[in-house]
PDB file of all heavy atoms in Angstrom:
ATOM      1  N   ALA A   1     -20.203  13.119   8.608  1.00  0.00           N
ATOM      2  CA  ALA A   1     -20.981  12.660   9.777  1.00  0.00           C
ATOM      3  C   ALA A   1     -20.355  13.045  10.889  1.00  0.00           C
ATOM      4  O   ALA A   1     -19.171  13.315  11.037  1.00  0.00           O
ATOM      5  CB  ALA A   1     -21.131  11.119   9.662  1.00  0.00           C
ATOM      6  N   ALA A   2     -21.077  13.076  12.086  1.00  0.00           N
ATOM      7  CA  ALA A   2     -20.526  13.526  13.409  1.00  0.00           C
ATOM      8  C   ALA A   2     -21.311  12.689  14.532  1.00  0.00           C
ATOM      9  O   ALA A   2     -22.452  12.344  14.300  1.00  0.00           O
ATOM     10  CB  ALA A   2     -20.749  14.996  13.583  1.00  0.00           C
ATOM     11  N   ALA A   3     -20.667  12.625  15.714  1.00  0.00           N
ATOM     12  CA  ALA A   3     -21.170  11.972  16.872  1.00  0.00           C
ATOM     13  C   ALA A   3     -20.778  12.643  18.071  1.00  0.00           C
ATOM     14  O   ALA A   3     -19.632  13.012  18.207  1.00  0.00           O
ATOM     15  CB  ALA A   3     -20.965  10.533  16.941  1.00  0.00           C
ATOM     16  N   ASN A   4     -21.574  13.096  18.982  1.00  0.00           N
ATOM     17  CA  ASN A   4     -21.222  13.688  20.322  1.00  0.00           C
ATOM     18  C   ASN A   4     -20.534  12.765  21.268  1.00  0.00           C
ATOM     19  O   ASN A   4     -20.952  11.598  21.364  1.00  0.00           O
ATOM     20  CB  ASN A   4     -22.510  14.170  21.014  1.00  0.00           C
ATOM     21  CG  ASN A   4     -23.144  15.342  20.338  1.00  0.00           C
ATOM     22  OD1 ASN A   4     -22.482  16.184  19.763  1.00  0.00           O
ATOM     23  ND2 ASN A   4     -24.515  15.336  20.341  1.00  0.00           N
ATOM     24  N   LEU A   5     -19.402  13.118  21.793  1.00  0.00           N
ATOM     25  CA  LEU A   5     -18.613  12.286  22.707  1.00  0.00           C
ATOM     26  C   LEU A   5     -18.946  12.675  24.144  1.00  0.00           C
ATOM     27  O   LEU A   5     -19.514  13.734  24.377  1.00  0.00           O
ATOM     28  CB  LEU A   5     -17.119  12.425  22.452  1.00  0.00           C
ATOM     29  CG  LEU A   5     -16.603  11.990  21.139  1.00  0.00           C
ATOM     30  CD1 LEU A   5     -15.150  12.343  20.929  1.00  0.00           C
ATOM     31  CD2 LEU A   5     -16.985  10.655  20.795  1.00  0.00           C
ATOM     32  N   SER A   6     -18.843  11.773  25.025  1.00  0.00           N
ATOM     33  CA  SER A   6     -19.189  12.087  26.403  1.00  0.00           C
ATOM     34  C   SER A   6     -18.448  13.204  27.211  1.00  0.00           C
ATOM     35  O   SER A   6     -18.858  13.712  28.076  1.00  0.00           O
ATOM     36  CB  SER A   6     -18.953  10.673  27.270  1.00  0.00           C
ATOM     37  OG  SER A   6     -17.694  10.292  27.136  1.00  0.00           O
ATOM     38  N   ASP A   7     -17.280  13.665  26.575  1.00  0.00           N
ATOM     39  CA  ASP A   7     -16.462  14.671  27.116  1.00  0.00           C
ATOM     40  C   ASP A   7     -16.832  15.973  26.585  1.00  0.00           C
ATOM     41  O   ASP A   7     -16.134  16.976  26.849  1.00  0.00           O
ATOM     42  CB  ASP A   7     -15.056  14.324  26.997  1.00  0.00           C
ATOM     43  CG  ASP A   7     -14.485  14.413  25.486  1.00  0.00           C
ATOM     44  OD1 ASP A   7     -15.439  14.512  24.691  1.00  0.00           O
ATOM     45  OD2 ASP A   7     -13.437  14.118  25.292  1.00  0.00           O
ATOM     46  N   GLY A   8     -17.822  16.076  25.615  1.00  0.00           N
ATOM     47  CA  GLY A   8     -18.436  17.362  25.201  1.00  0.00           C
ATOM     48  C   GLY A   8     -17.744  17.617  23.755  1.00  0.00           C
ATOM     49  O   GLY A   8     -18.178  18.664  23.157  1.00  0.00           O
ATOM     50  N   LYS A   9     -16.667  16.776  23.392  1.00  0.00           N
ATOM     51  CA  LYS A   9     -16.170  16.968  22.027  1.00  0.00           C
ATOM     52  C   LYS A   9     -17.028  16.301  20.993  1.00  0.00           C
ATOM     53  O   LYS A   9     -17.938  15.601  21.363  1.00  0.00           O
ATOM     54  CB  LYS A   9     -14.732  16.589  22.063  1.00  0.00           C
ATOM     55  CG  LYS A   9     -13.761  17.315  22.968  1.00  0.00           C
ATOM     56  CD  LYS A   9     -12.434  16.888  22.845  1.00  0.00           C
ATOM     57  CE  LYS A   9     -11.500  17.587  23.818  1.00  0.00           C
ATOM     58  NZ  LYS A   9     -10.062  17.169  23.709  1.00  0.00           N
ATOM     59  N   VAL A  10     -16.743  16.555  19.729  1.00  0.00           N
ATOM     60  CA  VAL A  10     -17.476  15.951  18.681  1.00  0.00           C
ATOM     61  C   VAL A  10     -16.544  15.177  17.788  1.00  0.00           C
ATOM     62  O   VAL A  10     -15.519  15.709  17.205  1.00  0.00           O
ATOM     63  CB  VAL A  10     -18.216  17.123  17.839  1.00  0.00           C
ATOM     64  CG1 VAL A  10     -19.103  16.389  16.723  1.00  0.00           C
ATOM     65  CG2 VAL A  10     -19.119  17.904  18.730  1.00  0.00           C
ATOM     66  N   LEU A  11     -16.964  13.896  17.447  1.00  0.00           N
ATOM     67  CA  LEU A  11     -16.164  13.039  16.644  1.00  0.00           C
ATOM     68  C   LEU A  11     -16.722  13.310  15.150  1.00  0.00           C
ATOM     69  O   LEU A  11     -18.007  13.217  14.921  1.00  0.00           O
ATOM     70  CB  LEU A  11     -16.398  11.565  17.030  1.00  0.00           C
ATOM     71  CG  LEU A  11     -15.703  10.505  16.032  1.00  0.00           C
ATOM     72  CD1 LEU A  11     -14.274  10.629  16.069  1.00  0.00           C
ATOM     73  CD2 LEU A  11     -16.272   9.136  16.460  1.00  0.00           C
ATOM     74  N   THR A  12     -15.900  13.564  14.240  1.00  0.00           N
ATOM     75  CA  THR A  12     -16.379  13.800  12.874  1.00  0.00           C
ATOM     76  C   THR A  12     -15.520  12.929  11.860  1.00  0.00           C
ATOM     77  O   THR A  12     -14.449  12.502  12.237  1.00  0.00           O
ATOM     78  CB  THR A  12     -16.239  15.243  12.354  1.00  0.00           C
ATOM     79  OG1 THR A  12     -14.874  15.623  12.072  1.00  0.00           O
ATOM     80  CG2 THR A  12     -16.842  16.144  13.423  1.00  0.00           C
ATOM     81  N   TRP A  13     -16.046  12.648  10.789  1.00  0.00           N
ATOM     82  CA  TRP A  13     -15.310  11.921   9.685  1.00  0.00           C
ATOM     83  C   TRP A  13     -15.774  12.168   8.354  1.00  0.00           C
ATOM     84  O   TRP A  13     -16.884  12.590   8.048  1.00  0.00           O
ATOM     85  CB  TRP A  13     -15.240  10.410  10.023  1.00  0.00           C
ATOM     86  CG  TRP A  13     -16.558   9.769  10.021  1.00  0.00           C
ATOM     87  CD1 TRP A  13     -17.209   9.184   8.943  1.00  0.00           C
ATOM     88  CD2 TRP A  13     -17.441   9.442  11.118  1.00  0.00           C
ATOM     89  NE1 TRP A  13     -18.429   8.628   9.319  1.00  0.00           N
ATOM     90  CE2 TRP A  13     -18.579   8.764  10.726  1.00  0.00           C
ATOM     91  CE3 TRP A  13     -17.404   9.718  12.442  1.00  0.00           C
ATOM     92  CZ2 TRP A  13     -19.601   8.260  11.548  1.00  0.00           C
ATOM     93  CZ3 TRP A  13     -18.445   9.523  13.352  1.00  0.00           C
ATOM     94  CH2 TRP A  13     -19.515   8.773  12.856  1.00  0.00           C
ATOM     95  N   SER A  14     -14.835  12.047   7.349  1.00  0.00           N
ATOM     96  CA  SER A  14     -15.172  12.163   5.990  1.00  0.00           C
ATOM     97  C   SER A  14     -15.470  10.768   5.399  1.00  0.00           C
ATOM     98  O   SER A  14     -16.285  10.095   5.810  1.00  0.00           O
ATOM     99  CB  SER A  14     -14.114  12.891   5.324  1.00  0.00           C
ATOM    100  OG  SER A  14     -12.835  12.238   5.298  1.00  0.00           O
ATOM    101  N   ALA A  15     -14.763  10.436   4.346  1.00  0.00           N
ATOM    102  CA  ALA A  15     -14.860   9.203   3.678  1.00  0.00           C
ATOM    103  C   ALA A  15     -13.473   8.794   3.275  1.00  0.00           C
ATOM    104  O   ALA A  15     -12.454   9.043   3.985  1.00  0.00           O
ATOM    105  CB  ALA A  15     -15.742   9.203   2.492  1.00  0.00           C
ATOM    106  N   TYR A  16     -13.316   8.022   2.136  1.00  0.00           N
ATOM    107  CA  TYR A  16     -12.007   7.523   1.744  1.00  0.00           C
ATOM    108  C   TYR A  16     -10.959   8.675   1.448  1.00  0.00           C
ATOM    109  O   TYR A  16      -9.762   8.479   1.576  1.00  0.00           O
ATOM    110  CB  TYR A  16     -12.075   6.545   0.597  1.00  0.00           C
ATOM    111  CG  TYR A  16     -12.254   7.286  -0.753  1.00  0.00           C
ATOM    112  CD1 TYR A  16     -10.955   7.621  -1.463  1.00  0.00           C
ATOM    113  CD2 TYR A  16     -13.206   7.650  -1.351  1.00  0.00           C
ATOM    114  CE1 TYR A  16     -11.113   8.286  -2.723  1.00  0.00           C
ATOM    115  CE2 TYR A  16     -13.336   8.518  -2.392  1.00  0.00           C
ATOM    116  CZ  TYR A  16     -12.313   8.673  -3.207  1.00  0.00           C
ATOM    117  OH  TYR A  16     -12.363   9.432  -4.371  1.00  0.00           O
ATOM    118  N   ASP A  17     -11.412   9.849   1.260  1.00  0.00           N
ATOM    119  CA  ASP A  17     -10.623  11.040   0.871  1.00  0.00           C
ATOM    120  C   ASP A  17     -11.212  12.168   1.879  1.00  0.00           C
ATOM    121  O   ASP A  17     -12.346  12.105   2.324  1.00  0.00           O
ATOM    122  CB  ASP A  17     -10.821  11.340  -0.494  1.00  0.00           C
ATOM    123  CG  ASP A  17      -9.887  12.661  -0.838  1.00  0.00           C
ATOM    124  OD1 ASP A  17      -8.648  12.454  -1.105  1.00  0.00           O
ATOM    125  OD2 ASP A  17     -10.469  13.688  -0.961  1.00  0.00           O
ATOM    126  N   ARG A  18     -10.400  13.044   2.115  1.00  0.00           N
ATOM    127  CA  ARG A  18     -10.751  14.225   3.027  1.00  0.00           C
ATOM    128  C   ARG A  18     -11.899  15.011   2.344  1.00  0.00           C
ATOM    129  O   ARG A  18     -12.664  15.588   3.059  1.00  0.00           O
ATOM    130  CB  ARG A  18      -9.614  15.192   3.118  1.00  0.00           C
ATOM    131  CG  ARG A  18      -8.440  14.624   4.090  1.00  0.00           C
ATOM    132  CD  ARG A  18      -7.303  15.645   4.240  1.00  0.00           C
ATOM    133  NE  ARG A  18      -6.340  15.211   5.151  1.00  0.00           N
ATOM    134  CZ  ARG A  18      -5.302  14.511   4.763  1.00  0.00           C
ATOM    135  NH1 ARG A  18      -5.114  14.273   3.474  1.00  0.00           N
ATOM    136  NH2 ARG A  18      -4.368  14.199   5.591  1.00  0.00           N
ATOM    137  N   PHE A  19     -12.046  15.129   1.016  1.00  0.00           N
ATOM    138  CA  PHE A  19     -12.912  15.923   0.396  1.00  0.00           C
ATOM    139  C   PHE A  19     -13.867  15.264  -0.612  1.00  0.00           C
ATOM    140  O   PHE A  19     -14.764  15.936  -1.311  1.00  0.00           O
ATOM    141  CB  PHE A  19     -12.267  17.087  -0.260  1.00  0.00           C
ATOM    142  CG  PHE A  19     -11.356  17.872   0.613  1.00  0.00           C
ATOM    143  CD1 PHE A  19      -9.994  17.824   0.425  1.00  0.00           C
ATOM    144  CD2 PHE A  19     -11.881  18.594   1.687  1.00  0.00           C
ATOM    145  CE1 PHE A  19      -9.097  18.454   1.187  1.00  0.00           C
ATOM    146  CE2 PHE A  19     -10.924  19.154   2.580  1.00  0.00           C
ATOM    147  CZ  PHE A  19      -9.698  19.215   2.315  1.00  0.00           C
ATOM    148  N   ASN A  20     -13.773  13.973  -0.761  1.00  0.00           N
ATOM    149  CA  ASN A  20     -14.445  13.257  -1.851  1.00  0.00           C
ATOM    150  C   ASN A  20     -14.997  11.933  -1.278  1.00  0.00           C
ATOM    151  O   ASN A  20     -14.622  11.530  -0.190  1.00  0.00           O
ATOM    152  CB  ASN A  20     -13.660  12.886  -3.035  1.00  0.00           C
ATOM    153  CG  ASN A  20     -13.178  14.130  -3.780  1.00  0.00           C
ATOM    154  OD1 ASN A  20     -13.969  14.835  -4.431  1.00  0.00           O
ATOM    155  ND2 ASN A  20     -11.854  14.376  -3.750  1.00  0.00           N
ATOM    156  N   PHE A  21     -16.121  11.325  -1.996  1.00  0.00           N
ATOM    157  CA  PHE A  21     -16.537  10.095  -1.492  1.00  0.00           C
ATOM    158  C   PHE A  21     -16.807   9.184  -2.726  1.00  0.00           C
ATOM    159  O   PHE A  21     -16.817   9.600  -3.801  1.00  0.00           O
ATOM    160  CB  PHE A  21     -17.960  10.332  -0.772  1.00  0.00           C
ATOM    161  CG  PHE A  21     -19.138  10.694  -1.660  1.00  0.00           C
ATOM    162  CD1 PHE A  21     -19.902   9.638  -2.062  1.00  0.00           C
ATOM    163  CD2 PHE A  21     -19.256  11.965  -2.308  1.00  0.00           C
ATOM    164  CE1 PHE A  21     -21.043   9.929  -3.026  1.00  0.00           C
ATOM    165  CE2 PHE A  21     -20.349  12.206  -3.103  1.00  0.00           C
ATOM    166  CZ  PHE A  21     -21.190  11.216  -3.423  1.00  0.00           C
ATOM    167  N   ASP A  22     -16.943   7.944  -2.334  1.00  0.00           N
ATOM    168  CA  ASP A  22     -17.310   6.853  -3.346  1.00  0.00           C
ATOM    169  C   ASP A  22     -18.423   6.024  -2.720  1.00  0.00           C
ATOM    170  O   ASP A  22     -18.199   5.414  -1.704  1.00  0.00           O
ATOM    171  CB  ASP A  22     -15.959   5.962  -3.587  1.00  0.00           C
ATOM    172  CG  ASP A  22     -16.320   4.944  -4.746  1.00  0.00           C
ATOM    173  OD1 ASP A  22     -17.363   4.488  -4.917  1.00  0.00           O
ATOM    174  OD2 ASP A  22     -15.378   4.615  -5.445  1.00  0.00           O
ATOM    175  N   GLN A  23     -19.607   5.998  -3.483  1.00  0.00           N
ATOM    176  CA  GLN A  23     -20.684   5.269  -2.833  1.00  0.00           C
ATOM    177  C   GLN A  23     -20.411   3.882  -2.523  1.00  0.00           C
ATOM    178  O   GLN A  23     -20.919   3.234  -1.510  1.00  0.00           O
ATOM    179  CB  GLN A  23     -21.807   5.363  -3.824  1.00  0.00           C
ATOM    180  CG  GLN A  23     -23.148   4.679  -3.181  1.00  0.00           C
ATOM    181  CD  GLN A  23     -24.237   4.808  -4.202  1.00  0.00           C
ATOM    182  OE1 GLN A  23     -24.383   5.689  -5.074  1.00  0.00           O
ATOM    183  NE2 GLN A  23     -25.397   3.936  -4.030  1.00  0.00           N
ATOM    184  N   PHE A  24     -19.563   3.263  -3.237  1.00  0.00           N
ATOM    185  CA  PHE A  24     -19.329   1.835  -3.101  1.00  0.00           C
ATOM    186  C   PHE A  24     -18.066   1.456  -2.150  1.00  0.00           C
ATOM    187  O   PHE A  24     -17.754   0.303  -1.974  1.00  0.00           O
ATOM    188  CB  PHE A  24     -19.151   1.160  -4.494  1.00  0.00           C
ATOM    189  CG  PHE A  24     -20.340   1.379  -5.340  1.00  0.00           C
ATOM    190  CD1 PHE A  24     -20.233   2.427  -6.395  1.00  0.00           C
ATOM    191  CD2 PHE A  24     -21.505   0.748  -5.223  1.00  0.00           C
ATOM    192  CE1 PHE A  24     -21.345   2.562  -7.181  1.00  0.00           C
ATOM    193  CE2 PHE A  24     -22.638   1.016  -5.895  1.00  0.00           C
ATOM    194  CZ  PHE A  24     -22.504   1.947  -6.925  1.00  0.00           C
ATOM    195  N   GLY A  25     -17.432   2.484  -1.559  1.00  0.00           N
ATOM    196  CA  GLY A  25     -16.461   2.277  -0.584  1.00  0.00           C
ATOM    197  C   GLY A  25     -15.283   1.334  -0.966  1.00  0.00           C
ATOM    198  O   GLY A  25     -14.817   0.505  -0.242  1.00  0.00           O
ATOM    199  N   VAL A  26     -14.842   1.454  -2.285  1.00  0.00           N
ATOM    200  CA  VAL A  26     -13.849   0.517  -2.713  1.00  0.00           C
ATOM    201  C   VAL A  26     -12.450   0.581  -2.092  1.00  0.00           C
ATOM    202  O   VAL A  26     -11.701  -0.353  -2.089  1.00  0.00           O
ATOM    203  CB  VAL A  26     -13.576   0.765  -4.262  1.00  0.00           C
ATOM    204  CG1 VAL A  26     -14.880   0.369  -4.977  1.00  0.00           C
ATOM    205  CG2 VAL A  26     -13.099   2.132  -4.629  1.00  0.00           C
ATOM    206  N   ASN A  27     -12.207   1.803  -1.360  1.00  0.00           N
ATOM    207  CA  ASN A  27     -10.988   2.050  -0.770  1.00  0.00           C
ATOM    208  C   ASN A  27     -10.982   1.477   0.702  1.00  0.00           C
ATOM    209  O   ASN A  27      -9.819   1.316   1.316  1.00  0.00           O
ATOM    210  CB  ASN A  27     -10.556   3.307  -0.826  1.00  0.00           C
ATOM    211  CG  ASN A  27     -10.114   3.779  -2.177  1.00  0.00           C
ATOM    212  OD1 ASN A  27      -9.102   3.346  -2.699  1.00  0.00           O
ATOM    213  ND2 ASN A  27     -10.905   4.671  -2.810  1.00  0.00           N
ATOM    214  N   GLY A  28     -12.041   1.322   1.318  1.00  0.00           N
ATOM    215  CA  GLY A  28     -12.087   0.790   2.622  1.00  0.00           C
ATOM    216  C   GLY A  28     -11.387   1.556   3.684  1.00  0.00           C
ATOM    217  O   GLY A  28     -10.649   1.069   4.555  1.00  0.00           O
ATOM    218  N   GLU A  29     -11.494   2.961   3.619  1.00  0.00           N
ATOM    219  CA  GLU A  29     -10.834   3.705   4.672  1.00  0.00           C
ATOM    220  C   GLU A  29     -11.522   5.006   4.819  1.00  0.00           C
ATOM    221  O   GLU A  29     -12.484   5.323   4.072  1.00  0.00           O
ATOM    222  CB  GLU A  29      -9.422   4.086   4.155  1.00  0.00           C
ATOM    223  CG  GLU A  29      -9.342   4.791   2.857  1.00  0.00           C
ATOM    224  CD  GLU A  29      -7.937   5.012   2.327  1.00  0.00           C
ATOM    225  OE1 GLU A  29      -7.088   4.006   2.456  1.00  0.00           O
ATOM    226  OE2 GLU A  29      -7.559   6.018   1.795  1.00  0.00           O
ATOM    227  N   THR A  30     -11.186   5.695   5.837  1.00  0.00           N
ATOM    228  CA  THR A  30     -11.866   7.022   6.209  1.00  0.00           C
ATOM    229  C   THR A  30     -10.966   7.893   6.949  1.00  0.00           C
ATOM    230  O   THR A  30     -10.049   7.494   7.556  1.00  0.00           O
ATOM    231  CB  THR A  30     -13.240   6.675   6.952  1.00  0.00           C
ATOM    232  OG1 THR A  30     -13.989   7.919   6.870  1.00  0.00           O
ATOM    233  CG2 THR A  30     -12.939   6.298   8.292  1.00  0.00           C
TER     234      THR A  30
END
């Protein structure tokens, strides 16, 4: 996912791991 920031940069994120996801979010981190 991504969001535009007011300074023109873009905030992006993955999930609990840099390259994998868990639908149920058991690790509670990103």
